[in-house]
Amino acid sequence: MKGQTRRRLSEWVATLPSFVWLLLLFLLPTLLVFAVTFRPADPYGGIGSGWTLASLLTLVNAHYPAIIWRTIWLSLVATTLCILLATPMGYYMARINPARRRLVLLLVILPFWTSFLVRIFAWKVLLHPEGFIKHLLMFLGLAGQDTSLLYTTQAVLLVMVYTELPFAILPIYAAAEKFDFRLIEAAQDLGATSLKAFVSTFLPGIRVGLMTAFLMVFIPSLGSYVIPDIVGGPTSEMIGNKIAQRTFVDRNLPNAAALSAVLALAVLVPMIAILTLRRKESPRDVLIEEGV
């Protein structure tokens, strides 16, 4: 009994710093944002006294539903594309020899050595009407003089996939590295094609990595505002852009908080759903996924 109590105490001591960190820097700020949502705006850019639903009612403005929907579908499409690209990459990285794997892993994380803003501005140069990509497409006959590559929703999606792809590759690779590839060989010996063996054994075996990749790409994509601001146009505005506008330009903090609350809910709902699905799994399935 003493040993069990001591073990639980040590677990609490080890968990306490992380718990306090999350409490102070995540839970409390989130609750404050929700609270500010129900306060009136101050004429001087602050928060007024009293309580009101005015900020929530502004969300029914004709512009907000379109922006919220654009943010969600752009984030979902970017996340889907990242996972589709990262899954075969993670499979490849887990199968190659260690020396080549280290080189590929270095190439995956290499973009992080450069400033995020520099990379976005680099894409702005590439997609510029006088940029390399436009001239190449015109040379190949795939674009005309009037074709616009910059300040479009497609440009925002392209750059979002580029910036978030490493965050999908790394967790999928981490899960694939623990996968027993003999299961694929066994499925092929039983008559399954390579594709069927891949889908029926490899994908279920790395679903923890897939869920992690989904969260690591979807959550930052929802809050993205630098990418739409630099390479997007008026029709590519996302929630993050409106939050920045309401905070720094309009100085309407309750309105910005209301939009932030919507964004927080869009982040928390998929997280809670995934955690709920994980809890419904049997302990044996969890142990198998984790390679125990």
C-alpha atoms as a PDB file:
ATOM      1  CA  MET A   1       0.000   0.000   0.000  1.00  0.00           C
ATOM      2  CA  LYS A   2       2.835   2.367   0.841  1.00  0.00           C
ATOM      3  CA  GLY A   3       4.497   1.660  -2.478  1.00  0.00           C
ATOM      4  CA  GLN A   4       1.280   2.398  -4.373  1.00  0.00           C
ATOM      5  CA  THR A   5       0.733   5.643  -2.447  1.00  0.00           C
ATOM      6  CA  ARG A   6       4.320   6.686  -3.072  1.00  0.00           C
ATOM      7  CA  ARG A   7       3.968   5.944  -6.774  1.00  0.00           C
ATOM      8  CA  ARG A   8       0.780   8.018  -7.035  1.00  0.00           C
ATOM      9  CA  LEU A   9       2.431  10.857  -5.135  1.00  0.00           C
ATOM     10  CA  SER A  10       5.414  10.814  -7.475  1.00  0.00           C
ATOM     11  CA  GLU A  11       3.057  10.846 -10.469  1.00  0.00           C
ATOM     12  CA  TRP A  12       1.253  13.893  -9.069  1.00  0.00           C
ATOM     13  CA  VAL A  13       4.558  15.667  -8.394  1.00  0.00           C
ATOM     14  CA  ALA A  14       5.720  14.938 -11.942  1.00  0.00           C
ATOM     15  CA  THR A  15       2.401  16.092 -13.413  1.00  0.00           C
ATOM     16  CA  LEU A  16       1.975  19.212 -11.277  1.00  0.00           C
ATOM     17  CA  PRO A  17       4.257  21.565 -13.291  1.00  0.00           C
ATOM     18  CA  SER A  18       2.490  20.699 -16.551  1.00  0.00           C
ATOM     19  CA  PHE A  19      -0.905  21.013 -14.886  1.00  0.00           C
ATOM     20  CA  VAL A  20      -0.076  24.455 -13.469  1.00  0.00           C
ATOM     21  CA  TRP A  21       1.345  25.513 -16.856  1.00  0.00           C
ATOM     22  CA  LEU A  22      -1.859  24.497 -18.662  1.00  0.00           C
ATOM     23  CA  LEU A  23      -4.019  26.083 -15.959  1.00  0.00           C
ATOM     24  CA  LEU A  24      -2.261  29.464 -16.072  1.00  0.00           C
ATOM     25  CA  LEU A  25      -1.514  29.712 -19.795  1.00  0.00           C
ATOM     26  CA  PHE A  26      -4.445  27.866 -21.364  1.00  0.00           C
ATOM     27  CA  LEU A  27      -7.492  27.393 -19.141  1.00  0.00           C
ATOM     28  CA  LEU A  28      -7.554  30.796 -17.427  1.00  0.00           C
ATOM     29  CA  PRO A  29      -6.916  32.837 -20.626  1.00  0.00           C
ATOM     30  CA  THR A  30      -9.621  30.830 -22.395  1.00  0.00           C
ATOM     31  CA  LEU A  31     -12.119  31.513 -19.606  1.00  0.00           C
ATOM     32  CA  LEU A  32     -11.188  35.215 -19.685  1.00  0.00           C
ATOM     33  CA  VAL A  33     -11.814  35.320 -23.433  1.00  0.00           C
ATOM     34  CA  PHE A  34     -15.264  33.793 -22.944  1.00  0.00           C
ATOM     35  CA  ALA A  35     -15.975  36.250 -20.132  1.00  0.00           C
ATOM     36  CA  VAL A  36     -14.911  39.294 -22.204  1.00  0.00           C
ATOM     37  CA  THR A  37     -17.304  38.115 -24.924  1.00  0.00           C
ATOM     38  CA  PHE A  38     -20.226  39.083 -22.677  1.00  0.00           C
ATOM     39  CA  ARG A  39     -18.870  42.531 -21.790  1.00  0.00           C
ATOM     40  CA  PRO A  40     -19.623  45.751 -23.724  1.00  0.00           C
ATOM     41  CA  ALA A  41     -16.963  47.549 -25.737  1.00  0.00           C
ATOM     42  CA  ASP A  42     -15.402  50.686 -24.295  1.00  0.00           C
ATOM     43  CA  PRO A  43     -15.316  53.788 -26.564  1.00  0.00           C
ATOM     44  CA  TYR A  44     -11.581  54.107 -25.851  1.00  0.00           C
ATOM     45  CA  GLY A  45     -10.744  50.582 -26.963  1.00  0.00           C
ATOM     46  CA  GLY A  46     -11.106  48.887 -23.595  1.00  0.00           C
ATOM     47  CA  ILE A  47     -13.727  46.744 -21.900  1.00  0.00           C
ATOM     48  CA  GLY A  48     -16.834  48.405 -20.485  1.00  0.00           C
ATOM     49  CA  SER A  49     -18.737  47.539 -17.339  1.00  0.00           C
ATOM     50  CA  GLY A  50     -21.813  45.362 -17.207  1.00  0.00           C
ATOM     51  CA  TRP A  51     -22.856  42.388 -19.287  1.00  0.00           C
ATOM     52  CA  THR A  52     -24.344  42.160 -22.775  1.00  0.00           C
ATOM     53  CA  LEU A  53     -24.965  39.779 -25.668  1.00  0.00           C
ATOM     54  CA  ALA A  54     -24.142  42.452 -28.264  1.00  0.00           C
ATOM     55  CA  SER A  55     -20.828  40.871 -29.293  1.00  0.00           C
ATOM     56  CA  LEU A  56     -22.458  37.476 -29.802  1.00  0.00           C
ATOM     57  CA  LEU A  57     -25.274  39.033 -31.819  1.00  0.00           C
ATOM     58  CA  THR A  58     -22.733  40.609 -34.176  1.00  0.00           C
ATOM     59  CA  LEU A  59     -21.698  37.088 -35.219  1.00  0.00           C
ATOM     60  CA  VAL A  60     -24.941  36.786 -37.201  1.00  0.00           C
ATOM     61  CA  ASN A  61     -23.612  39.565 -39.431  1.00  0.00           C
ATOM     62  CA  ALA A  62     -23.779  38.447 -43.057  1.00  0.00           C
ATOM     63  CA  HIS A  63     -19.971  38.526 -43.362  1.00  0.00           C
ATOM     64  CA  TYR A  64     -19.108  36.357 -40.351  1.00  0.00           C
ATOM     65  CA  PRO A  65     -20.804  33.058 -41.318  1.00  0.00           C
ATOM     66  CA  ALA A  66     -19.011  33.143 -44.680  1.00  0.00           C
ATOM     67  CA  ILE A  67     -15.660  33.843 -43.016  1.00  0.00           C
ATOM     68  CA  ILE A  68     -16.209  31.141 -40.381  1.00  0.00           C
ATOM     69  CA  TRP A  69     -17.205  28.605 -43.026  1.00  0.00           C
ATOM     70  CA  ARG A  70     -14.185  29.559 -45.185  1.00  0.00           C
ATOM     71  CA  THR A  71     -11.881  29.122 -42.194  1.00  0.00           C
ATOM     72  CA  ILE A  72     -13.275  25.682 -41.365  1.00  0.00           C
ATOM     73  CA  TRP A  73     -13.272  24.273 -44.882  1.00  0.00           C
ATOM     74  CA  LEU A  74      -9.843  25.684 -45.727  1.00  0.00           C
ATOM     75  CA  SER A  75      -8.456  24.159 -42.526  1.00  0.00           C
ATOM     76  CA  LEU A  76     -10.119  20.800 -43.233  1.00  0.00           C
ATOM     77  CA  VAL A  77      -8.874  20.689 -46.827  1.00  0.00           C
ATOM     78  CA  ALA A  78      -5.344  21.711 -45.785  1.00  0.00           C
ATOM     79  CA  THR A  79      -5.368  19.067 -43.039  1.00  0.00           C
ATOM     80  CA  THR A  80      -6.630  16.372 -45.410  1.00  0.00           C
ATOM     81  CA  LEU A  81      -3.995  17.195 -48.033  1.00  0.00           C
ATOM     82  CA  CYS A  82      -1.243  17.232 -45.414  1.00  0.00           C
ATOM     83  CA  ILE A  83      -2.266  13.813 -44.082  1.00  0.00           C
ATOM     84  CA  LEU A  84      -2.544  12.371 -47.598  1.00  0.00           C
ATOM     85  CA  LEU A  85       0.958  13.606 -48.391  1.00  0.00           C
ATOM     86  CA  ALA A  86       2.452  12.766 -44.994  1.00  0.00           C
ATOM     87  CA  THR A  87       1.204   9.172 -44.747  1.00  0.00           C
ATOM     88  CA  PRO A  88       3.264   7.704 -47.605  1.00  0.00           C
ATOM     89  CA  MET A  89       6.172   9.894 -46.491  1.00  0.00           C
ATOM     90  CA  GLY A  90       5.992   8.512 -42.955  1.00  0.00           C
ATOM     91  CA  TYR A  91       5.769   4.974 -44.355  1.00  0.00           C
ATOM     92  CA  TYR A  92       8.822   5.583 -46.524  1.00  0.00           C
ATOM     93  CA  MET A  93      10.833   7.093 -43.666  1.00  0.00           C
ATOM     94  CA  ALA A  94      10.058   4.143 -41.405  1.00  0.00           C
ATOM     95  CA  ARG A  95      11.209   1.605 -44.013  1.00  0.00           C
ATOM     96  CA  ILE A  96      14.482   3.120 -45.237  1.00  0.00           C
ATOM     97  CA  ASN A  97      17.870   2.522 -43.630  1.00  0.00           C
ATOM     98  CA  PRO A  98      18.833   4.710 -40.634  1.00  0.00           C
ATOM     99  CA  ALA A  99      21.467   6.745 -42.488  1.00  0.00           C
ATOM    100  CA  ARG A 100      19.054   7.804 -45.242  1.00  0.00           C
ATOM    101  CA  ARG A 101      16.284   8.277 -42.662  1.00  0.00           C
ATOM    102  CA  ARG A 102      18.349  10.853 -40.788  1.00  0.00           C
ATOM    103  CA  LEU A 103      18.916  12.760 -44.023  1.00  0.00           C
ATOM    104  CA  VAL A 104      15.205  12.733 -44.916  1.00  0.00           C
ATOM    105  CA  LEU A 105      14.279  13.771 -41.387  1.00  0.00           C
ATOM    106  CA  LEU A 106      16.713  16.671 -41.657  1.00  0.00           C
ATOM    107  CA  LEU A 107      15.072  17.762 -44.911  1.00  0.00           C
ATOM    108  CA  VAL A 108      11.648  17.623 -43.263  1.00  0.00           C
ATOM    109  CA  ILE A 109      12.651  19.920 -40.405  1.00  0.00           C
ATOM    110  CA  LEU A 110      14.933  22.122 -42.510  1.00  0.00           C
ATOM    111  CA  PRO A 111      12.215  24.764 -43.205  1.00  0.00           C
ATOM    112  CA  PHE A 112      12.025  25.437 -39.445  1.00  0.00           C
ATOM    113  CA  TRP A 113      15.542  26.864 -39.649  1.00  0.00           C
ATOM    114  CA  THR A 114      14.131  29.822 -41.566  1.00  0.00           C
ATOM    115  CA  SER A 115      11.779  32.491 -40.237  1.00  0.00           C
ATOM    116  CA  PHE A 116       8.106  31.734 -40.806  1.00  0.00           C
ATOM    117  CA  LEU A 117       7.534  35.210 -42.281  1.00  0.00           C
ATOM    118  CA  VAL A 118      10.506  34.846 -44.630  1.00  0.00           C
ATOM    119  CA  ARG A 119       9.055  31.616 -45.989  1.00  0.00           C
ATOM    120  CA  ILE A 120       5.643  33.203 -46.550  1.00  0.00           C
ATOM    121  CA  PHE A 121       7.176  36.203 -48.316  1.00  0.00           C
ATOM    122  CA  ALA A 122       9.204  33.779 -50.437  1.00  0.00           C
ATOM    123  CA  TRP A 123       5.941  32.224 -51.632  1.00  0.00           C
ATOM    124  CA  LYS A 124       4.620  35.712 -52.353  1.00  0.00           C
ATOM    125  CA  VAL A 125       7.612  36.275 -54.619  1.00  0.00           C
ATOM    126  CA  LEU A 126       7.164  32.894 -56.313  1.00  0.00           C
ATOM    127  CA  LEU A 127       3.427  33.445 -56.927  1.00  0.00           C
ATOM    128  CA  HIS A 128       3.860  37.054 -58.050  1.00  0.00           C
ATOM    129  CA  PRO A 129       2.586  37.859 -61.585  1.00  0.00           C
ATOM    130  CA  GLU A 130       6.237  38.300 -62.584  1.00  0.00           C
ATOM    131  CA  GLY A 131       7.421  35.367 -60.503  1.00  0.00           C
ATOM    132  CA  PHE A 132       9.088  32.121 -61.542  1.00  0.00           C
ATOM    133  CA  ILE A 133       6.002  29.896 -61.216  1.00  0.00           C
ATOM    134  CA  LYS A 134       3.828  32.157 -63.363  1.00  0.00           C
ATOM    135  CA  HIS A 135       6.461  32.299 -66.133  1.00  0.00           C
ATOM    136  CA  LEU A 136       6.958  28.523 -65.956  1.00  0.00           C
ATOM    137  CA  LEU A 137       3.218  27.839 -66.270  1.00  0.00           C
ATOM    138  CA  MET A 138       2.959  30.278 -69.160  1.00  0.00           C
ATOM    139  CA  PHE A 139       5.897  28.558 -70.874  1.00  0.00           C
ATOM    140  CA  LEU A 140       4.158  25.191 -70.475  1.00  0.00           C
ATOM    141  CA  GLY A 141       0.883  26.633 -71.761  1.00  0.00           C
ATOM    142  CA  LEU A 142      -0.899  26.002 -68.476  1.00  0.00           C
ATOM    143  CA  ALA A 143      -1.538  29.666 -67.667  1.00  0.00           C
ATOM    144  CA  GLY A 144      -2.287  32.836 -69.548  1.00  0.00           C
ATOM    145  CA  GLN A 145      -1.220  36.409 -69.094  1.00  0.00           C
ATOM    146  CA  ASP A 146      -4.352  37.154 -67.061  1.00  0.00           C
ATOM    147  CA  THR A 147      -4.032  34.117 -64.775  1.00  0.00           C
ATOM    148  CA  SER A 148      -3.721  35.185 -61.158  1.00  0.00           C
ATOM    149  CA  LEU A 149      -1.759  32.957 -58.777  1.00  0.00           C
ATOM    150  CA  LEU A 150      -1.471  35.429 -55.921  1.00  0.00           C
ATOM    151  CA  TYR A 151      -4.202  36.827 -53.667  1.00  0.00           C
ATOM    152  CA  THR A 152      -6.467  33.823 -54.200  1.00  0.00           C
ATOM    153  CA  THR A 153      -7.936  31.135 -51.958  1.00  0.00           C
ATOM    154  CA  GLN A 154      -5.850  28.559 -53.814  1.00  0.00           C
ATOM    155  CA  ALA A 155      -2.676  30.447 -52.914  1.00  0.00           C
ATOM    156  CA  VAL A 156      -3.685  30.461 -49.243  1.00  0.00           C
ATOM    157  CA  LEU A 157      -4.372  26.725 -49.351  1.00  0.00           C
ATOM    158  CA  LEU A 158      -1.055  26.004 -51.073  1.00  0.00           C
ATOM    159  CA  VAL A 159       0.995  27.939 -48.531  1.00  0.00           C
ATOM    160  CA  MET A 160      -0.974  26.478 -45.608  1.00  0.00           C
ATOM    161  CA  VAL A 161      -0.178  22.951 -46.806  1.00  0.00           C
ATOM    162  CA  TYR A 162       3.473  23.897 -47.267  1.00  0.00           C
ATOM    163  CA  THR A 163       3.827  25.341 -43.769  1.00  0.00           C
ATOM    164  CA  GLU A 164       1.842  22.647 -41.926  1.00  0.00           C
ATOM    165  CA  LEU A 165       3.097  19.546 -43.775  1.00  0.00           C
ATOM    166  CA  PRO A 166       6.060  18.861 -41.430  1.00  0.00           C
ATOM    167  CA  PHE A 167       3.655  18.850 -38.469  1.00  0.00           C
ATOM    168  CA  ALA A 168       1.793  15.989 -40.161  1.00  0.00           C
ATOM    169  CA  ILE A 169       4.875  14.054 -41.251  1.00  0.00           C
ATOM    170  CA  LEU A 170       6.559  13.896 -37.841  1.00  0.00           C
ATOM    171  CA  PRO A 171       3.749  12.253 -35.776  1.00  0.00           C
ATOM    172  CA  ILE A 172       2.881   9.859 -38.598  1.00  0.00           C
ATOM    173  CA  TYR A 173       6.541   8.875 -38.922  1.00  0.00           C
ATOM    174  CA  ALA A 174       6.769   8.407 -35.135  1.00  0.00           C
ATOM    175  CA  ALA A 175       3.779   6.041 -35.249  1.00  0.00           C
ATOM    176  CA  ALA A 176       5.022   4.235 -38.360  1.00  0.00           C
ATOM    177  CA  GLU A 177       8.410   3.627 -36.751  1.00  0.00           C
ATOM    178  CA  LYS A 178       6.706   1.498 -34.060  1.00  0.00           C
ATOM    179  CA  PHE A 179       4.552  -0.396 -36.556  1.00  0.00           C
ATOM    180  CA  ASP A 180       5.289  -4.081 -37.148  1.00  0.00           C
ATOM    181  CA  PHE A 181       5.656  -4.260 -40.927  1.00  0.00           C
ATOM    182  CA  ARG A 182       5.456  -8.035 -40.808  1.00  0.00           C
ATOM    183  CA  LEU A 183       1.690  -7.537 -40.594  1.00  0.00           C
ATOM    184  CA  ILE A 184       1.708  -6.151 -44.136  1.00  0.00           C
ATOM    185  CA  GLU A 185       3.728  -9.121 -45.343  1.00  0.00           C
ATOM    186  CA  ALA A 186       1.313 -11.483 -43.594  1.00  0.00           C
ATOM    187  CA  ALA A 187      -1.671  -9.789 -45.255  1.00  0.00           C
ATOM    188  CA  GLN A 188       0.002 -10.134 -48.658  1.00  0.00           C
ATOM    189  CA  ASP A 189       0.738 -13.804 -47.977  1.00  0.00           C
ATOM    190  CA  LEU A 190      -2.984 -14.257 -47.304  1.00  0.00           C
ATOM    191  CA  GLY A 191      -3.818 -12.863 -50.742  1.00  0.00           C
ATOM    192  CA  ALA A 192      -4.230  -9.148 -50.138  1.00  0.00           C
ATOM    193  CA  THR A 193      -2.866  -6.731 -52.695  1.00  0.00           C
ATOM    194  CA  SER A 194      -0.201  -4.232 -51.656  1.00  0.00           C
ATOM    195  CA  LEU A 195      -2.763  -1.419 -51.519  1.00  0.00           C
ATOM    196  CA  LYS A 196      -5.284  -3.480 -49.542  1.00  0.00           C
ATOM    197  CA  ALA A 197      -2.595  -4.625 -47.119  1.00  0.00           C
ATOM    198  CA  PHE A 198      -1.504  -1.012 -46.664  1.00  0.00           C
ATOM    199  CA  VAL A 199      -5.045   0.197 -46.012  1.00  0.00           C
ATOM    200  CA  SER A 200      -6.191  -2.692 -43.828  1.00  0.00           C
ATOM    201  CA  THR A 201      -3.093  -3.082 -41.636  1.00  0.00           C
ATOM    202  CA  PHE A 202      -0.818  -0.030 -41.799  1.00  0.00           C
ATOM    203  CA  LEU A 203      -3.421   2.745 -41.538  1.00  0.00           C
ATOM    204  CA  PRO A 204      -5.266   1.223 -38.536  1.00  0.00           C
ATOM    205  CA  GLY A 205      -1.903   0.533 -36.919  1.00  0.00           C
ATOM    206  CA  ILE A 206      -0.867   4.202 -37.037  1.00  0.00           C
ATOM    207  CA  ARG A 207      -4.227   5.785 -36.272  1.00  0.00           C
ATOM    208  CA  VAL A 208      -2.793   7.427 -33.151  1.00  0.00           C
ATOM    209  CA  GLY A 209      -0.259   9.186 -35.370  1.00  0.00           C
ATOM    210  CA  LEU A 210      -3.003  10.113 -37.831  1.00  0.00           C
ATOM    211  CA  MET A 211      -5.142  11.622 -35.052  1.00  0.00           C
ATOM    212  CA  THR A 212      -2.154  13.551 -33.715  1.00  0.00           C
ATOM    213  CA  ALA A 213      -1.308  14.806 -37.198  1.00  0.00           C
ATOM    214  CA  PHE A 214      -4.910  15.925 -37.666  1.00  0.00           C
ATOM    215  CA  LEU A 215      -4.839  17.974 -34.470  1.00  0.00           C
ATOM    216  CA  MET A 216      -1.369  19.416 -35.103  1.00  0.00           C
ATOM    217  CA  VAL A 217      -2.384  20.644 -38.551  1.00  0.00           C
ATOM    218  CA  PHE A 218      -6.057  21.497 -38.076  1.00  0.00           C
ATOM    219  CA  ILE A 219      -5.643  23.631 -34.935  1.00  0.00           C
ATOM    220  CA  PRO A 220      -2.932  25.983 -36.296  1.00  0.00           C
ATOM    221  CA  SER A 221      -4.778  26.192 -39.613  1.00  0.00           C
ATOM    222  CA  LEU A 222      -7.918  27.456 -37.881  1.00  0.00           C
ATOM    223  CA  GLY A 223      -5.994  30.300 -36.264  1.00  0.00           C
ATOM    224  CA  SER A 224      -3.941  31.214 -39.314  1.00  0.00           C
ATOM    225  CA  TYR A 225      -4.010  34.895 -40.235  1.00  0.00           C
ATOM    226  CA  VAL A 226      -0.500  35.710 -41.500  1.00  0.00           C
ATOM    227  CA  ILE A 227      -0.819  33.497 -44.578  1.00  0.00           C
ATOM    228  CA  PRO A 228      -4.200  34.911 -45.731  1.00  0.00           C
ATOM    229  CA  ASP A 229      -2.932  38.411 -44.958  1.00  0.00           C
ATOM    230  CA  ILE A 230       0.177  38.064 -47.143  1.00  0.00           C
ATOM    231  CA  VAL A 231      -0.816  35.781 -50.043  1.00  0.00           C
ATOM    232  CA  GLY A 232      -4.616  35.959 -49.826  1.00  0.00           C
ATOM    233  CA  GLY A 233      -7.074  38.517 -51.062  1.00  0.00           C
ATOM    234  CA  PRO A 234     -10.373  39.970 -49.822  1.00  0.00           C
ATOM    235  CA  THR A 235     -12.124  36.694 -50.641  1.00  0.00           C
ATOM    236  CA  SER A 236      -9.587  34.674 -48.610  1.00  0.00           C
ATOM    237  CA  GLU A 237     -10.102  36.335 -45.237  1.00  0.00           C
ATOM    238  CA  MET A 238     -10.201  33.950 -42.255  1.00  0.00           C
ATOM    239  CA  ILE A 239     -11.277  34.259 -38.620  1.00  0.00           C
ATOM    240  CA  GLY A 240      -7.733  35.079 -37.533  1.00  0.00           C
ATOM    241  CA  ASN A 241      -7.702  38.126 -39.811  1.00  0.00           C
ATOM    242  CA  LYS A 242     -10.965  39.404 -38.335  1.00  0.00           C
ATOM    243  CA  ILE A 243      -9.694  38.882 -34.788  1.00  0.00           C
ATOM    244  CA  ALA A 244      -6.546  40.884 -35.579  1.00  0.00           C
ATOM    245  CA  GLN A 245      -8.632  43.603 -37.247  1.00  0.00           C
ATOM    246  CA  ARG A 246     -11.058  43.877 -34.335  1.00  0.00           C
ATOM    247  CA  THR A 247      -8.172  43.955 -31.824  1.00  0.00           C
ATOM    248  CA  PHE A 248      -5.625  46.302 -33.423  1.00  0.00           C
ATOM    249  CA  VAL A 249      -7.631  48.377 -35.930  1.00  0.00           C
ATOM    250  CA  ASP A 250     -11.181  48.637 -34.551  1.00  0.00           C
ATOM    251  CA  ARG A 251     -10.039  48.210 -30.905  1.00  0.00           C
ATOM    252  CA  ASN A 252     -13.232  46.285 -30.152  1.00  0.00           C
ATOM    253  CA  LEU A 253     -11.994  43.692 -27.671  1.00  0.00           C
ATOM    254  CA  PRO A 254     -15.385  42.057 -26.869  1.00  0.00           C
ATOM    255  CA  ASN A 255     -16.025  41.505 -30.567  1.00  0.00           C
ATOM    256  CA  ALA A 256     -12.543  40.045 -30.981  1.00  0.00           C
ATOM    257  CA  ALA A 257     -13.180  37.849 -27.921  1.00  0.00           C
ATOM    258  CA  ALA A 258     -16.441  36.564 -29.417  1.00  0.00           C
ATOM    259  CA  LEU A 259     -14.624  35.526 -32.586  1.00  0.00           C
ATOM    260  CA  SER A 260     -11.851  33.989 -30.477  1.00  0.00           C
ATOM    261  CA  ALA A 261     -14.468  32.026 -28.515  1.00  0.00           C
ATOM    262  CA  VAL A 262     -15.859  30.605 -31.757  1.00  0.00           C
ATOM    263  CA  LEU A 263     -12.314  29.681 -32.778  1.00  0.00           C
ATOM    264  CA  ALA A 264     -11.644  28.074 -29.391  1.00  0.00           C
ATOM    265  CA  LEU A 265     -14.793  25.967 -29.704  1.00  0.00           C
ATOM    266  CA  ALA A 266     -13.753  24.908 -33.205  1.00  0.00           C
ATOM    267  CA  VAL A 267     -10.456  23.734 -31.696  1.00  0.00           C
ATOM    268  CA  LEU A 268     -11.862  22.086 -28.569  1.00  0.00           C
ATOM    269  CA  VAL A 269     -14.694  20.149 -30.242  1.00  0.00           C
ATOM    270  CA  PRO A 270     -12.428  17.927 -32.431  1.00  0.00           C
ATOM    271  CA  MET A 271     -10.010  17.456 -29.510  1.00  0.00           C
ATOM    272  CA  ILE A 272     -12.814  16.295 -27.204  1.00  0.00           C
ATOM    273  CA  ALA A 273     -14.227  14.068 -29.942  1.00  0.00           C
ATOM    274  CA  ILE A 274     -10.877  12.371 -30.520  1.00  0.00           C
ATOM    275  CA  LEU A 275     -10.273  11.918 -26.792  1.00  0.00           C
ATOM    276  CA  THR A 276     -13.753  10.413 -26.452  1.00  0.00           C
ATOM    277  CA  LEU A 277     -13.038   7.946 -29.255  1.00  0.00           C
ATOM    278  CA  ARG A 278      -9.756   7.028 -27.600  1.00  0.00           C
ATOM    279  CA  ARG A 279     -11.498   6.319 -24.292  1.00  0.00           C
ATOM    280  CA  LYS A 280     -13.970   3.998 -25.987  1.00  0.00           C
ATOM    281  CA  GLU A 281     -11.151   1.812 -27.249  1.00  0.00           C
ATOM    282  CA  SER A 282     -10.313  -1.252 -25.235  1.00  0.00           C
ATOM    283  CA  PRO A 283      -7.057  -1.220 -23.192  1.00  0.00           C
ATOM    284  CA  ARG A 284      -5.745  -4.038 -25.382  1.00  0.00           C
ATOM    285  CA  ASP A 285      -6.183  -1.943 -28.554  1.00  0.00           C
ATOM    286  CA  VAL A 286      -4.418   1.005 -26.929  1.00  0.00           C
ATOM    287  CA  LEU A 287      -1.485  -1.172 -25.905  1.00  0.00           C
ATOM    288  CA  ILE A 288      -1.212  -2.628 -29.403  1.00  0.00           C
ATOM    289  CA  GLU A 289      -1.243   0.871 -30.957  1.00  0.00           C
ATOM    290  CA  GLU A 290       1.493   2.034 -28.608  1.00  0.00           C
ATOM    291  CA  GLY A 291       3.631  -0.967 -29.451  1.00  0.00           C
ATOM    292  CA  VAL A 292       3.454  -2.568 -26.000  1.00  0.00           C
END
